[in-house]
């Protein structure tokens, strides 16, 4: 009886598996995205209030929805 020989593939469960550069880049980008989004969103709050004709308290509730 012949058995098929499968190549060994490194998986995350394998203790010697190393993360690839692409994975590290993706995780770094995802981590930076949250901080960058807040930094871009906060200065626009007055413009959002003006465009939507809303008071400051109402516009600040959008931060809760953002999170």
C-alpha atoms as a PDB file:
ATOM      1  CA  UNK A   1       0.000   0.000   0.000  1.00  0.00           C
ATOM      2  CA  UNK A   2       1.410   3.378  -1.005  1.00  0.00           C
ATOM      3  CA  UNK A   3       0.950   6.497   1.100  1.00  0.00           C
ATOM      4  CA  UNK A   4       1.096  10.005  -0.304  1.00  0.00           C
ATOM      5  CA  UNK A   5       3.943  12.098   1.046  1.00  0.00           C
ATOM      6  CA  UNK A   6       2.911  15.665   1.761  1.00  0.00           C
ATOM      7  CA  UNK A   7       5.445  18.498   2.019  1.00  0.00           C
ATOM      8  CA  UNK A   8       5.983  20.016   5.428  1.00  0.00           C
ATOM      9  CA  UNK A   9       4.453  23.446   5.713  1.00  0.00           C
ATOM     10  CA  UNK A  10       5.283  25.865   8.516  1.00  0.00           C
ATOM     11  CA  UNK A  11       2.128  26.885  10.344  1.00  0.00           C
ATOM     12  CA  UNK A  12       1.440  29.261  13.197  1.00  0.00           C
ATOM     13  CA  UNK A  13       1.063  26.247  15.485  1.00  0.00           C
ATOM     14  CA  UNK A  14       4.561  25.073  14.613  1.00  0.00           C
ATOM     15  CA  UNK A  15       6.896  26.289  17.378  1.00  0.00           C
ATOM     16  CA  UNK A  16       9.640  27.307  14.936  1.00  0.00           C
ATOM     17  CA  UNK A  17       7.409  29.188  12.490  1.00  0.00           C
ATOM     18  CA  UNK A  18       8.525  32.781  11.916  1.00  0.00           C
ATOM     19  CA  UNK A  19       6.180  35.568  10.849  1.00  0.00           C
ATOM     20  CA  UNK A  20       6.796  36.793   7.343  1.00  0.00           C
ATOM     21  CA  UNK A  21       7.603  40.393   6.489  1.00  0.00           C
ATOM     22  CA  UNK A  22       4.185  40.788   4.869  1.00  0.00           C
ATOM     23  CA  UNK A  23       2.406  39.729   8.046  1.00  0.00           C
ATOM     24  CA  UNK A  24       4.466  42.111  10.153  1.00  0.00           C
ATOM     25  CA  UNK A  25       3.750  44.945   7.734  1.00  0.00           C
ATOM     26  CA  UNK A  26       0.019  44.198   7.820  1.00  0.00           C
ATOM     27  CA  UNK A  27      -0.087  44.111  11.633  1.00  0.00           C
ATOM     28  CA  UNK A  28       1.878  47.356  11.846  1.00  0.00           C
ATOM     29  CA  UNK A  29      -0.468  49.080   9.390  1.00  0.00           C
ATOM     30  CA  UNK A  30      -3.550  47.898  11.282  1.00  0.00           C
ATOM     31  CA  UNK A  31      -2.087  49.163  14.540  1.00  0.00           C
ATOM     32  CA  UNK A  32      -1.242  52.574  13.071  1.00  0.00           C
ATOM     33  CA  UNK A  33      -4.629  52.940  11.357  1.00  0.00           C
ATOM     34  CA  UNK A  34      -6.558  53.554  14.593  1.00  0.00           C
ATOM     35  CA  UNK A  35      -4.250  56.289  15.846  1.00  0.00           C
ATOM     36  CA  UNK A  36      -4.071  57.952  12.431  1.00  0.00           C
ATOM     37  CA  UNK A  37      -7.871  57.909  12.109  1.00  0.00           C
ATOM     38  CA  UNK A  38      -8.360  59.704  15.416  1.00  0.00           C
ATOM     39  CA  UNK A  39      -5.688  62.267  14.546  1.00  0.00           C
ATOM     40  CA  UNK A  40      -7.505  63.043  11.285  1.00  0.00           C
ATOM     41  CA  UNK A  41     -11.015  62.979  12.774  1.00  0.00           C
ATOM     42  CA  UNK A  42     -10.605  65.275  15.790  1.00  0.00           C
ATOM     43  CA  UNK A  43      -9.599  68.443  13.889  1.00  0.00           C
ATOM     44  CA  UNK A  44     -12.601  68.013  11.596  1.00  0.00           C
ATOM     45  CA  UNK A  45     -15.200  68.120  14.407  1.00  0.00           C
ATOM     46  CA  UNK A  46     -15.953  71.865  14.015  1.00  0.00           C
ATOM     47  CA  UNK A  47     -16.414  71.445  10.257  1.00  0.00           C
ATOM     48  CA  UNK A  48     -18.717  68.477  10.811  1.00  0.00           C
ATOM     49  CA  UNK A  49     -20.824  70.543  13.216  1.00  0.00           C
ATOM     50  CA  UNK A  50     -21.064  73.386  10.727  1.00  0.00           C
ATOM     51  CA  UNK A  51     -21.948  71.119   7.811  1.00  0.00           C
ATOM     52  CA  UNK A  52     -24.612  69.242   9.774  1.00  0.00           C
ATOM     53  CA  UNK A  53     -25.846  72.336  11.671  1.00  0.00           C
ATOM     54  CA  UNK A  54     -25.347  70.493  14.952  1.00  0.00           C
ATOM     55  CA  UNK A  55     -24.153  71.733  18.317  1.00  0.00           C
ATOM     56  CA  UNK A  56     -20.811  70.676  19.762  1.00  0.00           C
ATOM     57  CA  UNK A  57     -22.286  68.088  22.151  1.00  0.00           C
ATOM     58  CA  UNK A  58     -24.095  66.296  19.342  1.00  0.00           C
ATOM     59  CA  UNK A  59     -21.008  66.261  17.165  1.00  0.00           C
ATOM     60  CA  UNK A  60     -18.975  64.835  20.058  1.00  0.00           C
ATOM     61  CA  UNK A  61     -21.339  61.857  20.147  1.00  0.00           C
ATOM     62  CA  UNK A  62     -19.961  60.868  16.761  1.00  0.00           C
ATOM     63  CA  UNK A  63     -16.719  60.037  18.563  1.00  0.00           C
ATOM     64  CA  UNK A  64     -18.587  57.368  20.537  1.00  0.00           C
ATOM     65  CA  UNK A  65     -19.969  55.944  17.313  1.00  0.00           C
ATOM     66  CA  UNK A  66     -16.489  56.071  15.800  1.00  0.00           C
ATOM     67  CA  UNK A  67     -15.061  53.942  18.586  1.00  0.00           C
END
